[in-house]
Amino acid sequence: MKQFIFKTLLRSRFHVGYSHKRHWLRKYFWRFESARKFADSQVGKSTVWASDWSRAYISKNTINFSTHEDAKNFSTNI
């Protein structure tokens, strides 16, 4: 229902699918720049979709889980 309202009645041109806790949600935008900024603010990979379901932009904000160089030499053997 929400998709119908935003796409048909309000004529939004872009949407971003993003993960929220355990669910995937969509946020709708009329301007590409606003959609791109929102996608960049999300952690992980987010895609901006155009109204014709083509990819308009892909953001790849990944979390760097690499360890610090000093942590590699840490030992718990006392």
C-alpha atoms as a PDB file:
ATOM      1  CA  MET A   1       0.000   0.000   0.000  1.00  0.00           C
ATOM      2  CA  LYS A   2       2.810   2.392   0.915  1.00  0.00           C
ATOM      3  CA  GLN A   3       4.557   1.641  -2.372  1.00  0.00           C
ATOM      4  CA  PHE A   4       1.357   2.389  -4.299  1.00  0.00           C
ATOM      5  CA  ILE A   5       0.866   5.720  -2.525  1.00  0.00           C
ATOM      6  CA  PHE A   6       4.428   6.933  -3.031  1.00  0.00           C
ATOM      7  CA  LYS A   7       4.883   5.656  -6.583  1.00  0.00           C
ATOM      8  CA  THR A   8       1.476   6.415  -8.084  1.00  0.00           C
ATOM      9  CA  LEU A   9      -0.113   9.219  -6.115  1.00  0.00           C
ATOM     10  CA  LEU A  10       2.916  11.197  -4.959  1.00  0.00           C
ATOM     11  CA  ARG A  11       5.108  10.288  -7.963  1.00  0.00           C
ATOM     12  CA  SER A  12       8.358   9.696  -6.124  1.00  0.00           C
ATOM     13  CA  ARG A  13      11.210   8.977  -8.523  1.00  0.00           C
ATOM     14  CA  PHE A  14      13.764   7.132  -6.365  1.00  0.00           C
ATOM     15  CA  HIS A  15      13.817   4.760  -3.421  1.00  0.00           C
ATOM     16  CA  VAL A  16      16.524   3.237  -1.251  1.00  0.00           C
ATOM     17  CA  GLY A  17      16.234  -0.225   0.231  1.00  0.00           C
ATOM     18  CA  TYR A  18      18.037  -0.487   3.562  1.00  0.00           C
ATOM     19  CA  SER A  19      18.296  -2.882   6.470  1.00  0.00           C
ATOM     20  CA  HIS A  20      16.658  -1.875   9.749  1.00  0.00           C
ATOM     21  CA  LYS A  21      17.326  -4.384  12.529  1.00  0.00           C
ATOM     22  CA  ARG A  22      15.714  -7.567  11.132  1.00  0.00           C
ATOM     23  CA  HIS A  23      13.669  -5.957   8.350  1.00  0.00           C
ATOM     24  CA  TRP A  24      14.301  -4.453   4.938  1.00  0.00           C
ATOM     25  CA  LEU A  25      12.662  -1.089   4.509  1.00  0.00           C
ATOM     26  CA  ARG A  26      12.304   1.381   1.653  1.00  0.00           C
ATOM     27  CA  LYS A  27      12.579   5.116   1.858  1.00  0.00           C
ATOM     28  CA  TYR A  28      11.205   7.160  -1.036  1.00  0.00           C
ATOM     29  CA  PHE A  29      12.723  10.340  -2.500  1.00  0.00           C
ATOM     30  CA  TRP A  30      11.873  12.859  -5.193  1.00  0.00           C
ATOM     31  CA  ARG A  31      15.444  14.104  -5.712  1.00  0.00           C
ATOM     32  CA  PHE A  32      18.400  11.913  -6.643  1.00  0.00           C
ATOM     33  CA  GLU A  33      20.811  13.919  -4.488  1.00  0.00           C
ATOM     34  CA  SER A  34      18.729  13.280  -1.350  1.00  0.00           C
ATOM     35  CA  ALA A  35      18.525   9.566  -2.122  1.00  0.00           C
ATOM     36  CA  ARG A  36      22.280   9.380  -2.716  1.00  0.00           C
ATOM     37  CA  LYS A  37      23.067  11.137   0.582  1.00  0.00           C
ATOM     38  CA  PHE A  38      20.753   8.783   2.478  1.00  0.00           C
ATOM     39  CA  ALA A  39      22.343   5.725   0.833  1.00  0.00           C
ATOM     40  CA  ASP A  40      25.804   6.993   1.756  1.00  0.00           C
ATOM     41  CA  SER A  41      24.749   7.464   5.380  1.00  0.00           C
ATOM     42  CA  GLN A  42      23.713   3.806   5.736  1.00  0.00           C
ATOM     43  CA  VAL A  43      26.198   1.186   6.902  1.00  0.00           C
ATOM     44  CA  GLY A  44      26.749  -1.539   4.355  1.00  0.00           C
ATOM     45  CA  LYS A  45      25.791  -1.704   0.709  1.00  0.00           C
ATOM     46  CA  SER A  46      22.782   0.392  -0.268  1.00  0.00           C
ATOM     47  CA  THR A  47      21.277   0.830  -3.712  1.00  0.00           C
ATOM     48  CA  VAL A  48      19.306   3.788  -5.046  1.00  0.00           C
ATOM     49  CA  TRP A  49      16.601   2.517  -7.404  1.00  0.00           C
ATOM     50  CA  ALA A  50      14.875   4.641 -10.033  1.00  0.00           C
ATOM     51  CA  SER A  51      11.109   4.476 -10.580  1.00  0.00           C
ATOM     52  CA  ASP A  52      11.606   2.069 -13.506  1.00  0.00           C
ATOM     53  CA  TRP A  53      13.510  -0.338 -11.209  1.00  0.00           C
ATOM     54  CA  SER A  54      16.918   0.377 -12.706  1.00  0.00           C
ATOM     55  CA  ARG A  55      19.904   0.952 -10.457  1.00  0.00           C
ATOM     56  CA  ALA A  56      20.758   4.630 -10.242  1.00  0.00           C
ATOM     57  CA  TYR A  57      23.556   4.496  -7.646  1.00  0.00           C
ATOM     58  CA  ILE A  58      25.314   1.930  -5.445  1.00  0.00           C
ATOM     59  CA  SER A  59      27.017   2.987  -2.228  1.00  0.00           C
ATOM     60  CA  LYS A  60      29.527   0.625  -0.666  1.00  0.00           C
ATOM     61  CA  ASN A  61      29.961   1.820   2.893  1.00  0.00           C
ATOM     62  CA  THR A  62      31.553  -1.154   4.557  1.00  0.00           C
ATOM     63  CA  ILE A  63      32.773  -1.521   8.092  1.00  0.00           C
ATOM     64  CA  ASN A  64      36.489  -2.143   8.386  1.00  0.00           C
ATOM     65  CA  PHE A  65      36.880  -5.090  10.787  1.00  0.00           C
ATOM     66  CA  SER A  66      40.634  -5.361  10.386  1.00  0.00           C
ATOM     67  CA  THR A  67      42.618  -5.424  13.581  1.00  0.00           C
ATOM     68  CA  HIS A  68      45.151  -2.868  14.598  1.00  0.00           C
ATOM     69  CA  GLU A  69      48.793  -3.855  14.100  1.00  0.00           C
ATOM     70  CA  ASP A  70      49.487  -3.748  17.867  1.00  0.00           C
ATOM     71  CA  ALA A  71      46.599  -6.131  18.567  1.00  0.00           C
ATOM     72  CA  LYS A  72      48.143  -8.882  16.447  1.00  0.00           C
ATOM     73  CA  ASN A  73      50.955  -9.384  18.972  1.00  0.00           C
ATOM     74  CA  PHE A  74      48.640  -9.596  21.981  1.00  0.00           C
ATOM     75  CA  SER A  75      48.816 -12.837  23.917  1.00  0.00           C
ATOM     76  CA  THR A  76      46.685 -14.073  26.824  1.00  0.00           C
ATOM     77  CA  ASN A  77      49.316 -16.625  27.905  1.00  0.00           C
ATOM     78  CA  ILE A  78      50.671 -15.296  31.168  1.00  0.00           C
END
